[in-house]
Amino acid sequence: MFNKKKPNAETIRNLKIIFSTKHQIPETSILSMAELSCHEPNCPPIETIITERADDGKIRNWRIAKPIEEIQEIDIENLNEEYNHKH
């Protein structure tokens, strides 16, 4: 239960570079990626949440219905911003 394998740090770094370039994320923003497990109906078992925290307080999120290790560049290219709101 608690010995879940963590995603490779280099994989995360590379995905952040691809994501930042594709979605024009400024260097002043903080970009994070997290895997979440879901046990609700109609929910993928593991999804990756990508969050941008801009220096103006704006937060944007994107979701990919895959673990970090399975994300491909095409998954990032096909992403649309899930929601956008002010802090």
PDB file of N, CA and C in Angstrom:
ATOM      1  N   MET A   1       0.819  -1.199   0.000  1.00  0.00           N
ATOM      2  CA  MET A   1       0.000   0.000   0.000  1.00  0.00           C
ATOM      3  C   MET A   1       0.862   1.262   0.000  1.00  0.00           C
ATOM      4  N   PHE A   2       1.920   1.288   0.834  1.00  0.00           N
ATOM      5  CA  PHE A   2       2.727   2.494   0.935  1.00  0.00           C
ATOM      6  C   PHE A   2       4.033   2.424   0.165  1.00  0.00           C
ATOM      7  N   ASN A   3       4.317   1.297  -0.477  1.00  0.00           N
ATOM      8  CA  ASN A   3       5.571   1.202  -1.203  1.00  0.00           C
ATOM      9  C   ASN A   3       5.369   1.432  -2.700  1.00  0.00           C
ATOM     10  N   LYS A   4       4.521   2.395  -3.025  1.00  0.00           N
ATOM     11  CA  LYS A   4       4.267   2.769  -4.415  1.00  0.00           C
ATOM     12  C   LYS A   4       5.538   3.377  -5.007  1.00  0.00           C
ATOM     13  N   LYS A   5       5.864   2.952  -6.218  1.00  0.00           N
ATOM     14  CA  LYS A   5       7.052   3.458  -6.886  1.00  0.00           C
ATOM     15  C   LYS A   5       6.838   4.923  -7.277  1.00  0.00           C
ATOM     16  N   LYS A   6       7.806   5.763  -6.934  1.00  0.00           N
ATOM     17  CA  LYS A   6       7.721   7.178  -7.301  1.00  0.00           C
ATOM     18  C   LYS A   6       8.150   7.360  -8.754  1.00  0.00           C
ATOM     19  N   PRO A   7       7.522   8.342  -9.433  1.00  0.00           N
ATOM     20  CA  PRO A   7       7.949   8.635 -10.810  1.00  0.00           C
ATOM     21  C   PRO A   7       9.405   9.103 -10.830  1.00  0.00           C
ATOM     22  N   ASN A   8      10.079   8.793 -11.894  1.00  0.00           N
ATOM     23  CA  ASN A   8      11.469   9.168 -12.094  1.00  0.00           C
ATOM     24  C   ASN A   8      11.590  10.692 -12.192  1.00  0.00           C
ATOM     25  N   ALA A   9      12.509  11.273 -11.432  1.00  0.00           N
ATOM     26  CA  ALA A   9      12.684  12.734 -11.412  1.00  0.00           C
ATOM     27  C   ALA A   9      13.055  13.280 -12.788  1.00  0.00           C
ATOM     28  N   GLU A  10      13.862  12.544 -13.528  1.00  0.00           N
ATOM     29  CA  GLU A  10      14.256  13.009 -14.867  1.00  0.00           C
ATOM     30  C   GLU A  10      13.058  12.993 -15.820  1.00  0.00           C
ATOM     31  N   THR A  11      12.192  11.997 -15.687  1.00  0.00           N
ATOM     32  CA  THR A  11      10.974  11.941 -16.503  1.00  0.00           C
ATOM     33  C   THR A  11      10.120  13.171 -16.236  1.00  0.00           C
ATOM     34  N   ILE A  12       9.954  13.507 -14.974  1.00  0.00           N
ATOM     35  CA  ILE A  12       9.160  14.690 -14.600  1.00  0.00           C
ATOM     36  C   ILE A  12       9.802  15.950 -15.160  1.00  0.00           C
ATOM     37  N   ARG A  13      11.095  16.082 -15.013  1.00  0.00           N
ATOM     38  CA  ARG A  13      11.814  17.256 -15.532  1.00  0.00           C
ATOM     39  C   ARG A  13      11.601  17.402 -17.038  1.00  0.00           C
ATOM     40  N   ASN A  14      11.749  16.304 -17.776  1.00  0.00           N
ATOM     41  CA  ASN A  14      11.571  16.343 -19.228  1.00  0.00           C
ATOM     42  C   ASN A  14      10.137  16.697 -19.610  1.00  0.00           C
ATOM     43  N   LEU A  15       9.160  16.114 -18.909  1.00  0.00           N
ATOM     44  CA  LEU A  15       7.761  16.438 -19.191  1.00  0.00           C
ATOM     45  C   LEU A  15       7.468  17.909 -18.912  1.00  0.00           C
ATOM     46  N   LYS A  16       8.048  18.454 -17.860  1.00  0.00           N
ATOM     47  CA  LYS A  16       7.837  19.874 -17.544  1.00  0.00           C
ATOM     48  C   LYS A  16       8.404  20.768 -18.643  1.00  0.00           C
ATOM     49  N   ILE A  17       9.556  20.387 -19.196  1.00  0.00           N
ATOM     50  CA  ILE A  17      10.150  21.172 -20.287  1.00  0.00           C
ATOM     51  C   ILE A  17       9.234  21.140 -21.513  1.00  0.00           C
ATOM     52  N   ILE A  18       8.775  19.950 -21.872  1.00  0.00           N
ATOM     53  CA  ILE A  18       7.873  19.810 -23.023  1.00  0.00           C
ATOM     54  C   ILE A  18       6.591  20.595 -22.775  1.00  0.00           C
ATOM     55  N   PHE A  19       6.034  20.440 -21.581  1.00  0.00           N
ATOM     56  CA  PHE A  19       4.782  21.108 -21.239  1.00  0.00           C
ATOM     57  C   PHE A  19       4.943  22.631 -21.262  1.00  0.00           C
ATOM     58  N   SER A  20       6.015  23.123 -20.635  1.00  0.00           N
ATOM     59  CA  SER A  20       6.258  24.569 -20.574  1.00  0.00           C
ATOM     60  C   SER A  20       6.395  25.175 -21.957  1.00  0.00           C
ATOM     61  N   THR A  21       7.076  24.465 -22.845  1.00  0.00           N
ATOM     62  CA  THR A  21       7.256  24.947 -24.206  1.00  0.00           C
ATOM     63  C   THR A  21       5.930  24.960 -24.957  1.00  0.00           C
ATOM     64  N   LYS A  22       5.199  23.856 -24.905  1.00  0.00           N
ATOM     65  CA  LYS A  22       3.943  23.729 -25.640  1.00  0.00           C
ATOM     66  C   LYS A  22       2.892  24.728 -25.161  1.00  0.00           C
ATOM     67  N   HIS A  23       2.803  24.914 -23.854  1.00  0.00           N
ATOM     68  CA  HIS A  23       1.755  25.764 -23.292  1.00  0.00           C
ATOM     69  C   HIS A  23       2.268  27.158 -22.888  1.00  0.00           C
ATOM     70  N   GLN A  24       3.479  27.482 -23.334  1.00  0.00           N
ATOM     71  CA  GLN A  24       4.077  28.808 -23.132  1.00  0.00           C
ATOM     72  C   GLN A  24       3.991  29.247 -21.665  1.00  0.00           C
ATOM     73  N   ILE A  25       4.479  28.381 -20.785  1.00  0.00           N
ATOM     74  CA  ILE A  25       4.499  28.678 -19.351  1.00  0.00           C
ATOM     75  C   ILE A  25       5.742  29.528 -19.066  1.00  0.00           C
ATOM     76  N   PRO A  26       5.568  30.712 -18.491  1.00  0.00           N
ATOM     77  CA  PRO A  26       6.743  31.557 -18.213  1.00  0.00           C
ATOM     78  C   PRO A  26       7.618  30.966 -17.106  1.00  0.00           C
ATOM     79  N   GLU A  27       8.896  31.317 -17.133  1.00  0.00           N
ATOM     80  CA  GLU A  27       9.835  30.813 -16.122  1.00  0.00           C
ATOM     81  C   GLU A  27       9.487  31.289 -14.716  1.00  0.00           C
ATOM     82  N   THR A  28       8.701  32.353 -14.609  1.00  0.00           N
ATOM     83  CA  THR A  28       8.320  32.874 -13.290  1.00  0.00           C
ATOM     84  C   THR A  28       7.211  32.052 -12.641  1.00  0.00           C
ATOM     85  N   SER A  29       6.573  31.177 -13.408  1.00  0.00           N
ATOM     86  CA  SER A  29       5.521  30.316 -12.860  1.00  0.00           C
ATOM     87  C   SER A  29       6.125  29.074 -12.220  1.00  0.00           C
ATOM     88  N   ILE A  30       5.434  28.547 -11.230  1.00  0.00           N
ATOM     89  CA  ILE A  30       5.807  27.279 -10.622  1.00  0.00           C
ATOM     90  C   ILE A  30       4.943  26.209 -11.272  1.00  0.00           C
ATOM     91  N   LEU A  31       5.581  25.183 -11.791  1.00  0.00           N
ATOM     92  CA  LEU A  31       4.873  24.099 -12.460  1.00  0.00           C
ATOM     93  C   LEU A  31       5.063  22.829 -11.634  1.00  0.00           C
ATOM     94  N   SER A  32       3.959  22.167 -11.307  1.00  0.00           N
ATOM     95  CA  SER A  32       4.061  20.914 -10.549  1.00  0.00           C
ATOM     96  C   SER A  32       3.259  19.817 -11.229  1.00  0.00           C
ATOM     97  N   MET A  33       3.691  18.584 -11.003  1.00  0.00           N
ATOM     98  CA  MET A  33       2.997  17.403 -11.515  1.00  0.00           C
ATOM     99  C   MET A  33       2.800  16.450 -10.356  1.00  0.00           C
ATOM    100  N   ALA A  34       1.587  15.925 -10.247  1.00  0.00           N
ATOM    101  CA  ALA A  34       1.294  14.991  -9.167  1.00  0.00           C
ATOM    102  C   ALA A  34       0.384  13.888  -9.670  1.00  0.00           C
ATOM    103  N   GLU A  35       0.675  12.675  -9.223  1.00  0.00           N
ATOM    104  CA  GLU A  35      -0.201  11.542  -9.530  1.00  0.00           C
ATOM    105  C   GLU A  35      -1.222  11.406  -8.416  1.00  0.00           C
ATOM    106  N   LEU A  36      -2.466  11.227  -8.799  1.00  0.00           N
ATOM    107  CA  LEU A  36      -3.525  11.020  -7.820  1.00  0.00           C
ATOM    108  C   LEU A  36      -4.231   9.714  -8.120  1.00  0.00           C
ATOM    109  N   SER A  37      -4.543   8.971  -7.078  1.00  0.00           N
ATOM    110  CA  SER A  37      -5.339   7.753  -7.222  1.00  0.00           C
ATOM    111  C   SER A  37      -6.790   8.111  -7.014  1.00  0.00           C
ATOM    112  N   CYS A  38      -7.659   7.492  -7.801  1.00  0.00           N
ATOM    113  CA  CYS A  38      -9.092   7.760  -7.677  1.00  0.00           C
ATOM    114  C   CYS A  38      -9.826   6.437  -7.521  1.00  0.00           C
ATOM    115  N   HIS A  39     -10.746   6.399  -6.586  1.00  0.00           N
ATOM    116  CA  HIS A  39     -11.531   5.192  -6.335  1.00  0.00           C
ATOM    117  C   HIS A  39     -13.010   5.436  -6.615  1.00  0.00           C
ATOM    118  N   GLU A  40     -13.304   6.551  -7.263  1.00  0.00           N
ATOM    119  CA  GLU A  40     -14.685   6.898  -7.601  1.00  0.00           C
ATOM    120  C   GLU A  40     -15.079   6.234  -8.916  1.00  0.00           C
ATOM    121  N   PRO A  41     -16.383   6.004  -9.131  1.00  0.00           N
ATOM    122  CA  PRO A  41     -16.820   5.454 -10.422  1.00  0.00           C
ATOM    123  C   PRO A  41     -16.513   6.431 -11.562  1.00  0.00           C
ATOM    124  N   ASN A  42     -16.247   5.907 -12.747  1.00  0.00           N
ATOM    125  CA  ASN A  42     -15.960   6.692 -13.955  1.00  0.00           C
ATOM    126  C   ASN A  42     -14.730   7.580 -13.823  1.00  0.00           C
ATOM    127  N   CYS A  43     -13.819   7.199 -12.996  1.00  0.00           N
ATOM    128  CA  CYS A  43     -12.600   7.968 -12.753  1.00  0.00           C
ATOM    129  C   CYS A  43     -11.422   7.052 -13.085  1.00  0.00           C
ATOM    130  N   PRO A  44     -10.393   7.557 -13.794  1.00  0.00           N
ATOM    131  CA  PRO A  44      -9.244   6.690 -14.068  1.00  0.00           C
ATOM    132  C   PRO A  44      -8.565   6.299 -12.750  1.00  0.00           C
ATOM    133  N   PRO A  45      -7.998   5.095 -12.652  1.00  0.00           N
ATOM    134  CA  PRO A  45      -7.387   4.670 -11.393  1.00  0.00           C
ATOM    135  C   PRO A  45      -6.253   5.595 -10.948  1.00  0.00           C
ATOM    136  N   ILE A  46      -5.459   6.070 -11.907  1.00  0.00           N
ATOM    137  CA  ILE A  46      -4.393   7.040 -11.598  1.00  0.00           C
ATOM    138  C   ILE A  46      -4.421   8.113 -12.673  1.00  0.00           C
ATOM    139  N   GLU A  47      -4.397   9.367 -12.234  1.00  0.00           N
ATOM    140  CA  GLU A  47      -4.304  10.463 -13.192  1.00  0.00           C
ATOM    141  C   GLU A  47      -3.215  11.417 -12.731  1.00  0.00           C
ATOM    142  N   THR A  48      -2.695  12.148 -13.687  1.00  0.00           N
ATOM    143  CA  THR A  48      -1.659  13.129 -13.396  1.00  0.00           C
ATOM    144  C   THR A  48      -2.276  14.516 -13.505  1.00  0.00           C
ATOM    145  N   ILE A  49      -2.061  15.314 -12.473  1.00  0.00           N
ATOM    146  CA  ILE A  49      -2.527  16.697 -12.442  1.00  0.00           C
ATOM    147  C   ILE A  49      -1.305  17.589 -12.638  1.00  0.00           C
ATOM    148  N   ILE A  50      -1.391  18.479 -13.608  1.00  0.00           N
ATOM    149  CA  ILE A  50      -0.324  19.448 -13.859  1.00  0.00           C
ATOM    150  C   ILE A  50      -0.878  20.808 -13.448  1.00  0.00           C
ATOM    151  N   THR A  51      -0.164  21.487 -12.572  1.00  0.00           N
ATOM    152  CA  THR A  51      -0.622  22.770 -12.050  1.00  0.00           C
ATOM    153  C   THR A  51       0.416  23.849 -12.317  1.00  0.00           C
ATOM    154  N   GLU A  52      -0.072  24.974 -12.838  1.00  0.00           N
ATOM    155  CA  GLU A  52       0.775  26.169 -12.990  1.00  0.00           C
ATOM    156  C   GLU A  52       0.316  27.188 -11.965  1.00  0.00           C
ATOM    157  N   ARG A  53       1.270  27.679 -11.177  1.00  0.00           N
ATOM    158  CA  ARG A  53       1.007  28.770 -10.248  1.00  0.00           C
ATOM    159  C   ARG A  53       1.803  29.972 -10.733  1.00  0.00           C
ATOM    160  N   ALA A  54       1.078  30.938 -11.307  1.00  0.00           N
ATOM    161  CA  ALA A  54       1.727  32.126 -11.875  1.00  0.00           C
ATOM    162  C   ALA A  54       2.074  33.109 -10.765  1.00  0.00           C
ATOM    163  N   ASP A  55       3.024  33.982 -11.043  1.00  0.00           N
ATOM    164  CA  ASP A  55       3.432  34.957 -10.025  1.00  0.00           C
ATOM    165  C   ASP A  55       2.364  36.006  -9.744  1.00  0.00           C
ATOM    166  N   ASP A  56       1.321  36.082 -10.601  1.00  0.00           N
ATOM    167  CA  ASP A  56       0.222  37.019 -10.339  1.00  0.00           C
ATOM    168  C   ASP A  56      -0.909  36.359  -9.530  1.00  0.00           C
ATOM    169  N   GLY A  57      -0.693  35.120  -9.099  1.00  0.00           N
ATOM    170  CA  GLY A  57      -1.693  34.430  -8.290  1.00  0.00           C
ATOM    171  C   GLY A  57      -2.625  33.529  -9.081  1.00  0.00           C
ATOM    172  N   LYS A  58      -2.551  33.580 -10.403  1.00  0.00           N
ATOM    173  CA  LYS A  58      -3.414  32.747 -11.235  1.00  0.00           C
ATOM    174  C   LYS A  58      -2.960  31.290 -11.132  1.00  0.00           C
ATOM    175  N   ILE A  59      -3.938  30.379 -11.058  1.00  0.00           N
ATOM    176  CA  ILE A  59      -3.659  28.945 -11.004  1.00  0.00           C
ATOM    177  C   ILE A  59      -4.385  28.275 -12.161  1.00  0.00           C
ATOM    178  N   ARG A  60      -3.639  27.460 -12.905  1.00  0.00           N
ATOM    179  CA  ARG A  60      -4.253  26.699 -13.994  1.00  0.00           C
ATOM    180  C   ARG A  60      -3.919  25.226 -13.791  1.00  0.00           C
ATOM    181  N   ASN A  61      -4.879  24.351 -14.115  1.00  0.00           N
ATOM    182  CA  ASN A  61      -4.699  22.914 -13.967  1.00  0.00           C
ATOM    183  C   ASN A  61      -5.017  22.193 -15.262  1.00  0.00           C
ATOM    184  N   TRP A  62      -4.303  21.101 -15.490  1.00  0.00           N
ATOM    185  CA  TRP A  62      -4.558  20.197 -16.597  1.00  0.00           C
ATOM    186  C   TRP A  62      -4.542  18.781 -16.025  1.00  0.00           C
ATOM    187  N   ARG A  63      -5.304  17.879 -16.614  1.00  0.00           N
ATOM    188  CA  ARG A  63      -5.357  16.487 -16.157  1.00  0.00           C
ATOM    189  C   ARG A  63      -5.076  15.547 -17.324  1.00  0.00           C
ATOM    190  N   ILE A  64      -4.285  14.522 -17.022  1.00  0.00           N
ATOM    191  CA  ILE A  64      -4.023  13.449 -17.977  1.00  0.00           C
ATOM    192  C   ILE A  64      -4.379  12.146 -17.274  1.00  0.00           C
ATOM    193  N   ALA A  65      -5.209  11.338 -17.885  1.00  0.00           N
ATOM    194  CA  ALA A  65      -5.705  10.109 -17.263  1.00  0.00           C
ATOM    195  C   ALA A  65      -4.689   8.970 -17.390  1.00  0.00           C
ATOM    196  N   LYS A  66      -3.459   9.256 -16.946  1.00  0.00           N
ATOM    197  CA  LYS A  66      -2.366   8.274 -16.989  1.00  0.00           C
ATOM    198  C   LYS A  66      -1.399   8.583 -15.856  1.00  0.00           C
ATOM    199  N   PRO A  67      -0.632   7.580 -15.427  1.00  0.00           N
ATOM    200  CA  PRO A  67       0.478   7.856 -14.510  1.00  0.00           C
ATOM    201  C   PRO A  67       1.565   8.657 -15.244  1.00  0.00           C
ATOM    202  N   ILE A  68       2.375   9.370 -14.502  1.00  0.00           N
ATOM    203  CA  ILE A  68       3.437  10.206 -15.081  1.00  0.00           C
ATOM    204  C   ILE A  68       4.331   9.394 -16.023  1.00  0.00           C
ATOM    205  N   GLU A  69       4.719   8.197 -15.610  1.00  0.00           N
ATOM    206  CA  GLU A  69       5.642   7.381 -16.407  1.00  0.00           C
ATOM    207  C   GLU A  69       5.068   6.988 -17.777  1.00  0.00           C
ATOM    208  N   GLU A  70       3.752   7.053 -17.953  1.00  0.00           N
ATOM    209  CA  GLU A  70       3.130   6.659 -19.224  1.00  0.00           C
ATOM    210  C   GLU A  70       2.792   7.842 -20.125  1.00  0.00           C
ATOM    211  N   ILE A  71       3.021   9.063 -19.651  1.00  0.00           N
ATOM    212  CA  ILE A  71       2.680  10.245 -20.446  1.00  0.00           C
ATOM    213  C   ILE A  71       3.654  10.388 -21.611  1.00  0.00           C
ATOM    214  N   GLN A  72       3.088  10.634 -22.776  1.00  0.00           N
ATOM    215  CA  GLN A  72       3.867  10.844 -23.997  1.00  0.00           C
ATOM    216  C   GLN A  72       3.724  12.308 -24.419  1.00  0.00           C
ATOM    217  N   GLU A  73       4.596  12.757 -25.285  1.00  0.00           N
ATOM    218  CA  GLU A  73       4.540  14.144 -25.761  1.00  0.00           C
ATOM    219  C   GLU A  73       3.185  14.445 -26.409  1.00  0.00           C
ATOM    220  N   ILE A  74       2.613  13.485 -27.114  1.00  0.00           N
ATOM    221  CA  ILE A  74       1.311  13.691 -27.767  1.00  0.00           C
ATOM    222  C   ILE A  74       0.212  13.967 -26.736  1.00  0.00           C
ATOM    223  N   ASP A  75       0.316  13.362 -25.554  1.00  0.00           N
ATOM    224  CA  ASP A  75      -0.669  13.618 -24.489  1.00  0.00           C
ATOM    225  C   ASP A  75      -0.630  15.089 -24.071  1.00  0.00           C
ATOM    226  N   ILE A  76       0.568  15.639 -23.993  1.00  0.00           N
ATOM    227  CA  ILE A  76       0.732  17.044 -23.616  1.00  0.00           C
ATOM    228  C   ILE A  76       0.233  17.952 -24.740  1.00  0.00           C
ATOM    229  N   GLU A  77       0.516  17.585 -25.976  1.00  0.00           N
ATOM    230  CA  GLU A  77       0.076  18.397 -27.108  1.00  0.00           C
ATOM    231  C   GLU A  77      -1.444  18.454 -27.211  1.00  0.00           C
ATOM    232  N   ASN A  78      -2.118  17.394 -26.811  1.00  0.00           N
ATOM    233  CA  ASN A  78      -3.575  17.330 -26.922  1.00  0.00           C
ATOM    234  C   ASN A  78      -4.314  17.915 -25.718  1.00  0.00           C
ATOM    235  N   LEU A  79      -3.581  18.391 -24.738  1.00  0.00           N
ATOM    236  CA  LEU A  79      -4.217  18.921 -23.528  1.00  0.00           C
ATOM    237  C   LEU A  79      -4.879  20.273 -23.762  1.00  0.00           C
ATOM    238  N   ASN A  80      -5.997  20.465 -23.101  1.00  0.00           N
ATOM    239  CA  ASN A  80      -6.628  21.767 -23.016  1.00  0.00           C
ATOM    240  C   ASN A  80      -6.654  22.161 -21.554  1.00  0.00           C
ATOM    241  N   GLU A  81      -6.582  23.435 -21.317  1.00  0.00           N
ATOM    242  CA  GLU A  81      -6.632  23.935 -19.943  1.00  0.00           C
ATOM    243  C   GLU A  81      -7.961  23.530 -19.332  1.00  0.00           C
ATOM    244  N   GLU A  82      -7.909  22.954 -18.149  1.00  0.00           N
ATOM    245  CA  GLU A  82      -9.126  22.476 -17.514  1.00  0.00           C
ATOM    246  C   GLU A  82      -9.932  23.618 -16.920  1.00  0.00           C
ATOM    247  N   TYR A  83      -9.292  24.453 -16.182  1.00  0.00           N
ATOM    248  CA  TYR A  83      -9.977  25.638 -15.676  1.00  0.00           C
ATOM    249  C   TYR A  83      -8.957  26.689 -15.291  1.00  0.00           C
ATOM    250  N   ASN A  84      -9.428  27.866 -15.219  1.00  0.00           N
ATOM    251  CA  ASN A  84      -8.560  29.013 -14.992  1.00  0.00           C
ATOM    252  C   ASN A  84      -9.284  29.933 -14.004  1.00  0.00           C
ATOM    253  N   HIS A  85      -8.649  30.209 -12.894  1.00  0.00           N
ATOM    254  CA  HIS A  85      -9.293  31.098 -11.944  1.00  0.00           C
ATOM    255  C   HIS A  85      -8.250  31.929 -11.199  1.00  0.00           C
ATOM    256  N   LYS A  86      -8.715  33.034 -10.692  1.00  0.00           N
ATOM    257  CA  LYS A  86      -7.842  33.919  -9.925  1.00  0.00           C
ATOM    258  C   LYS A  86      -7.725  33.405  -8.500  1.00  0.00           C
ATOM    259  N   HIS A  87      -6.613  33.677  -7.899  1.00  0.00           N
ATOM    260  CA  HIS A  87      -6.301  33.290  -6.524  1.00  0.00           C
ATOM    261  C   HIS A  87      -7.220  34.010  -5.557  1.00  0.00           C
TER     262      HIS A  87
END
